[in-house]
Each structure stands twice: as C-alpha cells, then as structure tokens.
Amino acid sequence: MNVGTNVGIGLPIGDPTTLVTWARRADAGPFSTLGLLDRLVYDNPEPLVALSFLAGATTRIRVQTEVLLAPLRDTALLAKQAATLDRMTDGRLVLGLGIGGREDDHRATGTDLRTRGRRLDQQMATMCRLWHGEPYGDGVGPIGPVPARLGGPELLFGGFKPAALERVARWGHGYLAAAAPSWAGGLFDTVRGFWKHHGRDGDPRLVAQVNVALGPQHVLDDARARMHAYYAFTGTPDRMTAGLLTTPTEIRTAVTAFADLGADEVMLYCYGLDPDQVHRLADIV
C-alpha cells in the first residue's frame, strides 16, 4: 500500500515491559511515529517517561504523546520535560496535547475540570515563551534547556469542539483526529478554516487515529477486552470496540480514506499486547 501518507503505531498500554520490543520493531520497519496515550487514574505508563525510554531504544522514529493531558501537569515542569526530550532526541518529539474529560484524573491532581480549556491556553502562552528562551516572569528567569527547534517541539492538539480545533491555529502545528473518516473530513475542514482565519502560513499537519488489531483470534479478543475496559467510563464501550479494524482490507481502506481527506499521517492504535502485530501491520503498510 502506497498512498503517500505516513503511518505510525499507537502503542498498547497494558504492559509497559513489552514496549521496547514494539518500539524497536517499528523503528526497523516502515512506520513514522510511536504514539502513547495519557491517563492518570488508570493502569497505563506515564507517556513522557515511557517515550523517553523508547526514544533511547530507537534511532529514527518519532515519539508522540497522543494526547498528553497538559492541564493535569505543572506548566513550567512540563515545558522543561518536553524541551529536554526534544533536545535529547534531536527533534523527534511530537507533543500532542489535550484537556481530557475524566473527573477522577482532575481530582487526583487538584485541578478544575470546568476550567481545563482555559488552563491549557494559559499553559501554552507560558510554554511557548519559555521555549523561545524568554524568562518565566515575576522575577524568575528562563527555564532551559533550549529545545531542538527554537519555539519548542512540534505541537498537535486533539479534541472535537470548536475551541479545541481553533487551538491548533492559535498555538500548534497540526491536529490529531481520533475519528472515523466520515467524521474526520469535517473536522479537518474546520481546522483548515481556523488556520486561514488566523493568517497562518502553509497548511496544518493533519494526523488521524484508528484502532486496529491484527492476528489470530486470541489477539483480537485481547484487544477488544482491553479496549472495552479502557472505554468503560464512556458508558458505551461496545460502540467503541465495534469500530476496531481487524483485517488487512479494513485497515488499508481506512488509511486510503484518510489519505484522500488530506491526512499527513495515520496512527494505527493497538490495544492488544502481541508485538508480532508490528510485523503484520508492516506487511500491509
């Protein structure tokens, strides 16, 4: 399959000890990016820590938070962590950011669920200033290191509401859409509209995410069970697992559909733990 769109792998979260195997296999294959989701009150690895480890175990593949819940984190420390990882990987970090929607995550950090969008905008103003080498403010100096690229790592924003889509044009370089092609096209168009409205040069980078599992029945069952558990909080986990793509034809069709919509990259997100899926996915990419 050659549709001119990069393809990355979203890593499973069920067992952090397997991720080095996934990462090394992906790094040796045709994949562009390793993605890792973020939650706090859940049995998943912390993404910046895990991706730092995986970046050290690979040589070329990008590492991407998909998405990091910035409002849960201290702003100055997050800016420093991201700049450090970006610098040490020579710009391989893609910082995908979002606000999250789980009340328990915010309760655990003492942050306000109701103001998380405003907090992210405030965080972006501070982090962008720091990544340009400017002082923190109020008598506090700059916070290094300087990232690989002045102004900070590549920034993607996830979300579906207008405020989230406009945030791409205000602060970012691109958009991460966890949506089916039938929905993603409208989201992409809205992002492009905001991009033009804000006078941004060029085009936003558009990244799509689709959930996949490829292999024998036990691999598919494992993926569905883990995906069902993860989305149980939505109240509609069956609807989410129903969208899992499990055949080469389904996966190829989805990647082609996203490419036709103008996606620059498609992330194949895996919930099942079997790392042999990397080779199976590589065969169809």
Protein backbone atom coordinates (compact mmCIF):
# COMPACT_ATOMS: atom_id res chain seq x y z
CA MET A 1 0.00 0.00 0.00
CA ASN A 2 1.46 3.35 -1.02
CA VAL A 3 -0.88 6.30 -0.62
CA GLY A 4 1.70 8.96 0.18
CA THR A 5 0.63 9.15 3.83
CA ASN A 6 2.88 8.27 6.73
CA VAL A 7 1.72 5.51 9.05
CA GLY A 8 2.56 5.31 12.75
CA ILE A 9 1.78 2.91 15.57
CA GLY A 10 -0.11 3.74 18.73
CA LEU A 11 1.39 1.58 21.45
CA PRO A 12 -0.66 -0.65 23.75
CA ILE A 13 -0.79 0.44 27.38
CA GLY A 14 -1.43 -2.89 29.11
CA ASP A 15 2.18 -3.91 29.83
CA PRO A 16 4.98 -1.33 29.78
CA THR A 17 7.65 -4.05 29.69
CA THR A 18 6.63 -5.02 26.14
CA LEU A 19 7.01 -1.54 24.68
CA VAL A 20 10.72 -1.71 23.89
CA THR A 21 10.04 -4.71 21.65
CA TRP A 22 7.22 -2.82 19.92
CA ALA A 23 9.39 0.27 19.52
CA ARG A 24 12.44 -1.48 18.09
CA ARG A 25 10.36 -3.43 15.61
CA ALA A 26 8.55 -0.29 14.50
CA ASP A 27 11.84 1.60 14.22
CA ALA A 28 13.18 -1.10 11.90
CA GLY A 29 10.02 -1.04 9.79
CA PRO A 30 8.11 1.44 7.62
CA PHE A 31 6.50 3.33 10.46
CA SER A 32 6.93 7.05 11.07
CA THR A 33 5.87 7.56 14.69
CA LEU A 34 5.27 5.83 18.02
CA GLY A 35 2.25 7.20 19.90
CA LEU A 36 1.23 6.74 23.53
CA LEU A 37 -1.95 7.89 25.21
CA ASP A 38 -2.24 9.59 28.60
CA ARG A 39 -4.40 8.99 31.63
CA LEU A 40 -3.62 9.43 35.30
CA VAL A 41 -6.11 7.30 37.22
CA TYR A 42 -5.55 4.21 35.11
CA ASP A 43 -3.07 1.35 34.78
CA ASN A 44 -1.06 2.88 31.94
CA PRO A 45 2.55 4.09 31.73
CA GLU A 46 3.24 7.80 32.10
CA PRO A 47 3.84 8.85 28.48
CA LEU A 48 6.76 11.27 28.79
CA VAL A 49 8.71 8.80 30.94
CA ALA A 50 7.87 5.85 28.70
CA LEU A 51 8.57 7.68 25.44
CA SER A 52 11.89 8.94 26.78
CA PHE A 53 12.88 5.34 27.41
CA LEU A 54 11.69 4.26 23.98
CA ALA A 55 13.46 7.14 22.26
CA GLY A 56 16.70 5.87 23.75
CA ALA A 57 15.99 2.39 22.39
CA THR A 58 15.37 3.63 18.83
CA THR A 59 17.25 5.71 16.29
CA ARG A 60 14.90 7.42 13.82
CA ILE A 61 11.23 7.00 14.67
CA ARG A 62 9.34 9.92 16.20
CA VAL A 63 7.77 9.67 19.65
CA GLN A 64 4.37 11.28 20.13
CA THR A 65 2.04 11.90 23.06
CA GLU A 66 -1.46 11.10 21.89
CA VAL A 67 -2.56 13.17 23.71
CA LEU A 68 -0.85 14.41 26.85
CA LEU A 69 -3.32 15.92 29.32
CA ALA A 70 -1.48 19.16 29.93
CA PRO A 71 -3.91 20.71 32.47
CA LEU A 72 -3.04 17.91 34.92
CA ARG A 73 0.60 18.99 34.94
CA ASP A 74 2.67 21.85 36.32
CA THR A 75 3.32 24.20 33.42
CA ALA A 76 6.97 25.09 33.99
CA LEU A 77 7.95 21.49 34.66
CA LEU A 78 6.10 20.26 31.57
CA ALA A 79 7.88 22.86 29.44
CA LYS A 80 11.22 21.68 30.79
CA GLN A 81 10.44 18.00 30.34
CA ALA A 82 9.26 18.47 26.75
CA ALA A 83 12.25 20.65 25.85
CA THR A 84 14.63 18.09 27.36
CA LEU A 85 13.16 15.18 25.44
CA ASP A 86 13.01 17.20 22.23
CA ARG A 87 16.65 18.25 22.59
CA MET A 88 17.94 14.80 23.51
CA THR A 89 16.12 13.16 20.58
CA ASP A 90 17.25 15.84 18.10
CA GLY A 91 13.67 16.90 17.46
CA ARG A 92 11.96 13.50 17.37
CA LEU A 93 9.33 14.52 19.94
CA VAL A 94 5.82 15.36 18.75
CA LEU A 95 3.88 16.82 21.64
CA GLY A 96 0.22 16.03 21.23
CA LEU A 97 -1.86 17.90 23.81
CA GLY A 98 -5.44 17.81 25.02
CA ILE A 99 -7.59 18.64 28.03
CA GLY A 100 -9.05 15.26 28.99
CA GLY A 101 -12.52 14.64 30.31
CA ARG A 102 -12.19 12.30 33.27
CA GLU A 103 -13.18 13.83 36.60
CA ASP A 104 -11.03 11.38 38.58
CA ASP A 105 -7.87 12.48 36.75
CA HIS A 106 -8.52 16.08 37.75
CA ARG A 107 -9.47 15.19 41.31
CA ALA A 108 -6.17 13.35 41.71
CA THR A 109 -4.20 16.47 40.70
CA GLY A 110 -6.42 19.05 42.34
CA THR A 111 -7.16 20.74 39.01
CA ASP A 112 -10.55 22.08 37.96
CA LEU A 113 -12.31 20.06 35.30
CA ARG A 114 -14.52 23.03 34.40
CA THR A 115 -11.65 25.37 33.52
CA ARG A 116 -9.28 22.89 31.86
CA GLY A 117 -9.53 24.52 28.42
CA ARG A 118 -8.67 27.95 29.75
CA ARG A 119 -5.83 26.45 31.75
CA LEU A 120 -4.37 24.82 28.62
CA ASP A 121 -4.41 28.15 26.79
CA GLN A 122 -2.63 29.78 29.72
CA GLN A 123 -0.12 26.94 29.77
CA MET A 124 0.56 27.35 26.06
CA ALA A 125 1.31 31.04 26.43
CA THR A 126 3.84 30.26 29.15
CA MET A 127 5.44 27.24 27.49
CA CYS A 128 5.85 28.95 24.13
CA ARG A 129 7.54 31.86 25.86
CA LEU A 130 9.90 29.52 27.71
CA TRP A 131 10.70 27.53 24.56
CA HIS A 132 11.79 30.79 22.94
CA GLY A 133 14.28 31.29 25.77
CA GLU A 134 12.36 34.09 27.48
CA PRO A 135 12.14 34.48 31.28
CA TYR A 136 9.32 32.78 33.15
CA GLY A 137 8.36 36.14 34.63
CA ASP A 138 7.76 37.73 38.06
CA GLY A 139 11.46 37.80 38.79
CA VAL A 140 12.03 34.24 37.53
CA GLY A 141 14.48 33.73 34.69
CA PRO A 142 14.46 31.39 31.69
CA ILE A 143 13.88 27.67 32.10
CA GLY A 144 16.07 25.54 29.84
CA PRO A 145 17.23 23.56 28.05
CA VAL A 146 16.61 25.13 24.68
CA PRO A 147 14.60 22.62 22.60
CA ALA A 148 15.97 21.19 19.36
CA ARG A 149 13.88 23.70 17.44
CA LEU A 150 13.53 27.23 18.76
CA GLY A 151 9.95 27.67 19.84
CA GLY A 152 9.58 24.10 21.04
CA PRO A 153 8.65 20.68 19.69
CA GLU A 154 6.06 20.06 17.03
CA LEU A 155 2.64 20.56 18.63
CA LEU A 156 -0.56 18.72 17.80
CA PHE A 157 -3.88 19.29 19.52
CA GLY A 158 -6.67 16.80 19.89
CA GLY A 159 -10.35 17.40 20.53
CA PHE A 160 -13.64 17.92 18.75
CA LYS A 161 -15.19 21.17 19.96
CA PRO A 162 -14.57 24.48 18.15
CA ALA A 163 -12.32 25.79 20.92
CA ALA A 164 -10.08 22.73 20.59
CA LEU A 165 -9.96 22.99 16.80
CA GLU A 166 -9.13 26.70 16.90
CA ARG A 167 -6.35 25.96 19.39
CA VAL A 168 -4.48 24.24 16.55
CA ALA A 169 -4.28 27.53 14.65
CA ARG A 170 -3.54 29.62 17.74
CA TRP A 171 -0.71 27.57 19.19
CA GLY A 172 0.07 24.45 17.19
CA HIS A 173 1.41 22.88 14.06
CA GLY A 174 -1.33 20.33 13.49
CA TYR A 175 -4.40 18.40 14.56
CA LEU A 176 -4.87 14.86 15.85
CA ALA A 177 -8.28 13.41 14.95
CA ALA A 178 -9.46 10.31 16.79
CA ALA A 179 -12.45 9.99 14.46
CA ALA A 180 -13.67 7.84 11.59
CA PRO A 181 -13.15 9.16 8.04
CA SER A 182 -16.84 10.03 7.77
CA TRP A 183 -16.42 12.48 10.66
CA ALA A 184 -12.77 13.44 10.29
CA GLY A 185 -13.28 15.24 6.98
CA GLY A 186 -15.45 17.92 8.57
CA LEU A 187 -13.03 18.30 11.45
CA PHE A 188 -10.10 18.70 9.04
CA ASP A 189 -12.01 21.36 7.11
CA THR A 190 -12.79 23.27 10.29
CA VAL A 191 -9.15 23.20 11.35
CA ARG A 192 -8.11 24.45 7.91
CA GLY A 193 -10.65 27.25 8.22
CA PHE A 194 -9.29 28.39 11.58
CA TRP A 195 -5.75 28.14 10.21
CA LYS A 196 -6.61 30.52 7.39
CA HIS A 197 -8.59 32.83 9.69
CA HIS A 198 -5.55 33.23 11.96
CA GLY A 199 -3.31 34.04 8.98
CA ARG A 200 -1.07 31.01 9.39
CA ASP A 201 1.27 30.18 6.53
CA GLY A 202 1.14 26.83 4.78
CA ASP A 203 -1.22 24.14 6.00
CA PRO A 204 -1.82 22.45 9.34
CA ARG A 205 -0.44 18.95 9.75
CA LEU A 206 -3.35 16.52 9.91
CA VAL A 207 -2.99 13.25 11.80
CA ALA A 208 -5.72 10.61 12.05
CA GLN A 209 -6.03 7.80 14.57
CA VAL A 210 -7.78 4.48 14.03
CA ASN A 211 -8.00 1.49 16.37
CA VAL A 212 -6.69 -1.79 14.95
CA ALA A 213 -5.84 -5.36 15.89
CA LEU A 214 -4.29 -7.86 13.51
CA GLY A 215 -3.64 -11.52 14.14
CA PRO A 216 -5.27 -14.75 15.32
CA GLN A 217 -8.46 -14.76 17.34
CA HIS A 218 -6.75 -14.57 20.73
CA VAL A 219 -5.05 -11.33 19.67
CA LEU A 220 -8.37 -9.84 18.58
CA ASP A 221 -10.08 -10.97 21.78
CA ASP A 222 -7.29 -9.46 23.88
CA ALA A 223 -7.54 -6.15 22.03
CA ARG A 224 -11.31 -5.97 22.37
CA ALA A 225 -11.22 -6.78 26.08
CA ARG A 226 -8.57 -4.14 26.81
CA MET A 227 -10.28 -1.54 24.65
CA HIS A 228 -13.63 -2.30 26.30
CA ALA A 229 -12.10 -1.81 29.75
CA TYR A 230 -10.45 1.45 28.75
CA TYR A 231 -13.65 2.96 27.35
CA ALA A 232 -15.94 1.65 30.10
CA PHE A 233 -16.08 5.16 31.58
CA THR A 234 -17.92 6.42 28.48
CA GLY A 235 -20.89 4.18 29.15
CA THR A 236 -20.74 2.98 25.52
CA PRO A 237 -17.66 0.72 25.30
CA ASP A 238 -19.43 -1.68 22.94
CA ARG A 239 -19.78 1.12 20.39
CA MET A 240 -16.07 1.85 20.63
CA THR A 241 -14.98 -1.77 20.27
CA ALA A 242 -17.35 -2.19 17.31
CA GLY A 243 -15.13 0.25 15.40
CA LEU A 244 -11.98 -1.86 15.87
CA LEU A 245 -10.46 -2.74 12.47
CA THR A 246 -9.27 -6.35 12.37
CA THR A 247 -8.49 -7.23 8.74
CA PRO A 248 -5.85 -6.02 6.29
CA THR A 249 -8.58 -4.84 3.91
CA GLU A 250 -10.30 -2.75 6.60
CA ILE A 251 -7.02 -1.16 7.65
CA ARG A 252 -5.91 -0.42 4.08
CA THR A 253 -9.30 1.08 3.29
CA ALA A 254 -9.18 3.35 6.35
CA VAL A 255 -5.66 4.58 5.60
CA THR A 256 -6.61 5.31 1.99
CA ALA A 257 -9.77 7.13 3.09
CA PHE A 258 -7.81 9.34 5.47
CA ALA A 259 -5.21 10.00 2.77
CA ASP A 260 -8.00 11.09 0.42
CA LEU A 261 -9.11 13.59 3.09
CA GLY A 262 -5.61 15.05 3.18
CA ALA A 263 -4.23 13.34 6.28
CA ASP A 264 -0.46 13.56 6.50
CA GLU A 265 -0.23 10.59 8.85
CA VAL A 266 -2.45 7.79 10.16
CA MET A 267 -1.76 6.31 13.57
CA LEU A 268 -2.75 2.66 13.89
CA TYR A 269 -3.61 2.42 17.56
CA CYS A 270 -3.18 -1.02 19.14
CA TYR A 271 -4.70 -2.26 22.41
CA GLY A 272 -3.70 -5.91 22.11
CA LEU A 273 -0.29 -6.74 23.61
CA ASP A 274 1.12 -9.09 20.94
CA PRO A 275 4.17 -7.30 19.43
CA ASP A 276 4.00 -9.54 16.34
CA GLN A 277 1.30 -7.14 15.22
CA VAL A 278 4.09 -4.76 14.22
CA HIS A 279 5.27 -7.17 11.53
CA ARG A 280 1.73 -7.93 10.40
CA LEU A 281 0.92 -4.23 10.08
CA ALA A 282 4.20 -3.58 8.29
CA ASP A 283 3.26 -6.16 5.66
CA ILE A 284 0.12 -4.20 4.73
CA VAL A 285 1.67 -0.73 5.01
